[in-house]
């Protein structure tokens, strides 16, 4: 892990969030900064990773603050992947969630990322009880 790596609970600006999110290629739809501002507002908290004062990663946490917390948008800039930045940010976030009294911590892993999360303390849900997502009427 780089020496100058620092984490905080200060959200990125909507422009920074937009830049990081668009770099992932997760969405074919281009959104404006107001969209990302609304997304940031709806979080329990946002954790940011900084290297030498520059934002290099972030994740949002959505929660009821009592029973469940959901980690979403775990984003690390491509040039900083494979350097333990993500693992350290994930550990920081899990510690923060648990310090706030929530022990049920969940996330959805992007395609191909399940082994990464398994190495960092997460387990797959059983095949007979996986997460669900809404797709609309059939």
Protein backbone atom coordinates (compact mmCIF):
# COMPACT_ATOMS: atom_id res chain seq x y z
CA UNK A 1 0.00 0.00 0.00
CA UNK A 2 1.40 3.42 -0.89
CA UNK A 3 2.72 5.52 2.01
CA UNK A 4 0.76 8.66 1.12
CA UNK A 5 -2.61 6.87 0.99
CA UNK A 6 -5.31 8.51 3.12
CA UNK A 7 -9.00 7.77 3.68
CA UNK A 8 -11.75 10.06 4.86
CA UNK A 9 -15.52 10.38 5.01
CA UNK A 10 -15.60 13.47 2.80
CA UNK A 11 -17.56 12.75 -0.37
CA UNK A 12 -16.05 13.63 -3.72
CA UNK A 13 -17.65 16.46 -5.65
CA UNK A 14 -20.35 15.43 -8.10
CA UNK A 15 -17.86 16.11 -10.92
CA UNK A 16 -15.28 13.81 -9.33
CA UNK A 17 -17.89 11.08 -8.75
CA UNK A 18 -19.03 11.41 -12.37
CA UNK A 19 -15.46 11.11 -13.64
CA UNK A 20 -14.73 8.01 -11.55
CA UNK A 21 -18.05 6.37 -12.40
CA UNK A 22 -17.75 7.00 -16.13
CA UNK A 23 -14.23 5.53 -16.11
CA UNK A 24 -15.68 2.17 -14.96
CA UNK A 25 -17.73 1.72 -18.12
CA UNK A 26 -20.63 0.39 -16.00
CA UNK A 27 -23.24 2.54 -17.72
CA UNK A 28 -23.85 3.29 -21.36
CA UNK A 29 -25.99 6.26 -20.32
CA UNK A 30 -24.24 9.60 -19.78
CA UNK A 31 -25.53 11.42 -16.70
CA UNK A 32 -25.06 15.03 -15.67
CA UNK A 33 -23.43 16.22 -12.46
CA UNK A 34 -26.84 16.87 -10.88
CA UNK A 35 -27.57 13.12 -11.12
CA UNK A 36 -24.37 12.32 -9.23
CA UNK A 37 -25.09 15.06 -6.67
CA UNK A 38 -28.46 13.44 -5.92
CA UNK A 39 -26.81 10.03 -5.60
CA UNK A 40 -24.29 11.39 -3.09
CA UNK A 41 -27.06 13.01 -1.06
CA UNK A 42 -28.86 9.68 -0.65
CA UNK A 43 -25.96 7.94 1.08
CA UNK A 44 -25.45 7.02 4.71
CA UNK A 45 -21.82 7.96 4.12
CA UNK A 46 -19.21 8.13 1.39
CA UNK A 47 -15.58 7.11 1.88
CA UNK A 48 -12.85 8.52 -0.32
CA UNK A 49 -9.28 7.38 -0.95
CA UNK A 50 -6.58 9.96 -1.66
CA UNK A 51 -3.03 9.38 -2.83
CA UNK A 52 -0.68 12.34 -2.56
CA UNK A 53 -3.74 14.58 -2.13
CA UNK A 54 -5.51 13.32 -5.27
CA UNK A 55 -8.80 11.40 -5.21
CA UNK A 56 -8.09 7.86 -6.48
CA UNK A 57 -11.12 5.97 -5.23
CA UNK A 58 -14.45 6.07 -3.46
CA UNK A 59 -17.33 3.99 -2.28
CA UNK A 60 -20.84 4.84 -1.17
CA UNK A 61 -22.69 3.17 1.70
CA UNK A 62 -26.46 3.02 1.93
CA UNK A 63 -28.00 1.94 5.23
CA UNK A 64 -30.89 2.13 7.64
CA UNK A 65 -28.22 2.76 10.28
CA UNK A 66 -29.40 -0.13 12.43
CA UNK A 67 -29.72 -3.50 10.69
CA UNK A 68 -28.25 -3.44 7.20
CA UNK A 69 -25.56 -1.62 5.22
CA UNK A 70 -24.98 -1.94 1.50
CA UNK A 71 -21.66 -1.01 -0.10
CA UNK A 72 -22.04 0.33 -3.61
CA UNK A 73 -19.81 1.88 -6.27
CA UNK A 74 -16.49 0.61 -5.00
CA UNK A 75 -14.40 2.52 -7.56
CA UNK A 76 -10.62 2.70 -7.73
CA UNK A 77 -8.95 4.53 -10.61
CA UNK A 78 -7.58 2.03 -13.09
CA UNK A 79 -4.00 3.24 -12.66
CA UNK A 80 -4.14 2.46 -8.91
CA UNK A 81 -5.70 -1.01 -9.06
CA UNK A 82 -3.58 -3.91 -7.90
CA UNK A 83 -1.79 -1.76 -5.30
CA UNK A 84 -4.02 -2.65 -2.31
CA UNK A 85 -5.83 0.69 -2.47
CA UNK A 86 -9.22 -0.99 -2.89
CA UNK A 87 -8.60 -3.55 -0.16
CA UNK A 88 -7.55 -0.81 2.25
CA UNK A 89 -10.57 1.35 1.34
CA UNK A 90 -12.89 -1.63 1.76
CA UNK A 91 -11.38 -2.38 5.18
CA UNK A 92 -11.79 1.28 6.18
CA UNK A 93 -15.45 1.21 5.14
CA UNK A 94 -16.23 -2.09 6.88
CA UNK A 95 -14.60 -0.79 10.07
CA UNK A 96 -16.67 2.41 9.87
CA UNK A 97 -19.93 0.49 9.32
CA UNK A 98 -19.21 -1.81 12.26
CA UNK A 99 -18.19 1.15 14.47
CA UNK A 100 -21.64 2.59 13.76
CA UNK A 101 -23.23 -0.61 15.09
CA UNK A 102 -24.23 -2.41 11.88
CA UNK A 103 -22.98 -5.96 11.33
CA UNK A 104 -24.98 -7.07 8.27
CA UNK A 105 -22.83 -5.69 5.44
CA UNK A 106 -23.74 -6.55 1.86
CA UNK A 107 -22.66 -5.68 -1.67
CA UNK A 108 -23.08 -6.71 -5.26
CA UNK A 109 -19.86 -7.65 -7.00
CA UNK A 110 -19.28 -6.49 -10.55
CA UNK A 111 -18.72 -9.21 -13.15
CA UNK A 112 -15.47 -11.05 -12.48
CA UNK A 113 -14.88 -9.39 -9.09
CA UNK A 114 -16.29 -12.08 -6.74
CA UNK A 115 -12.82 -13.56 -5.94
CA UNK A 116 -11.58 -10.08 -4.98
CA UNK A 117 -14.37 -9.62 -2.44
CA UNK A 118 -13.94 -13.18 -1.16
CA UNK A 119 -10.26 -12.40 -0.46
CA UNK A 120 -11.46 -9.39 1.50
CA UNK A 121 -13.86 -11.15 3.88
CA UNK A 122 -17.09 -11.45 1.89
CA UNK A 123 -18.87 -14.70 0.99
CA UNK A 124 -21.30 -15.49 -1.78
CA UNK A 125 -24.94 -15.82 -0.92
CA UNK A 126 -26.28 -19.36 -1.37
CA UNK A 127 -27.65 -20.25 -4.81
CA UNK A 128 -31.13 -20.71 -3.33
CA UNK A 129 -31.06 -17.21 -1.75
CA UNK A 130 -29.18 -14.87 -4.10
CA UNK A 131 -29.87 -11.18 -4.36
CA UNK A 132 -32.60 -10.05 -6.70
CA UNK A 133 -32.95 -7.05 -8.98
CA UNK A 134 -36.03 -5.48 -10.50
CA UNK A 135 -36.35 -5.74 -14.28
CA UNK A 136 -39.98 -4.69 -14.73
CA UNK A 137 -43.06 -6.63 -15.83
CA UNK A 138 -42.51 -9.61 -18.09
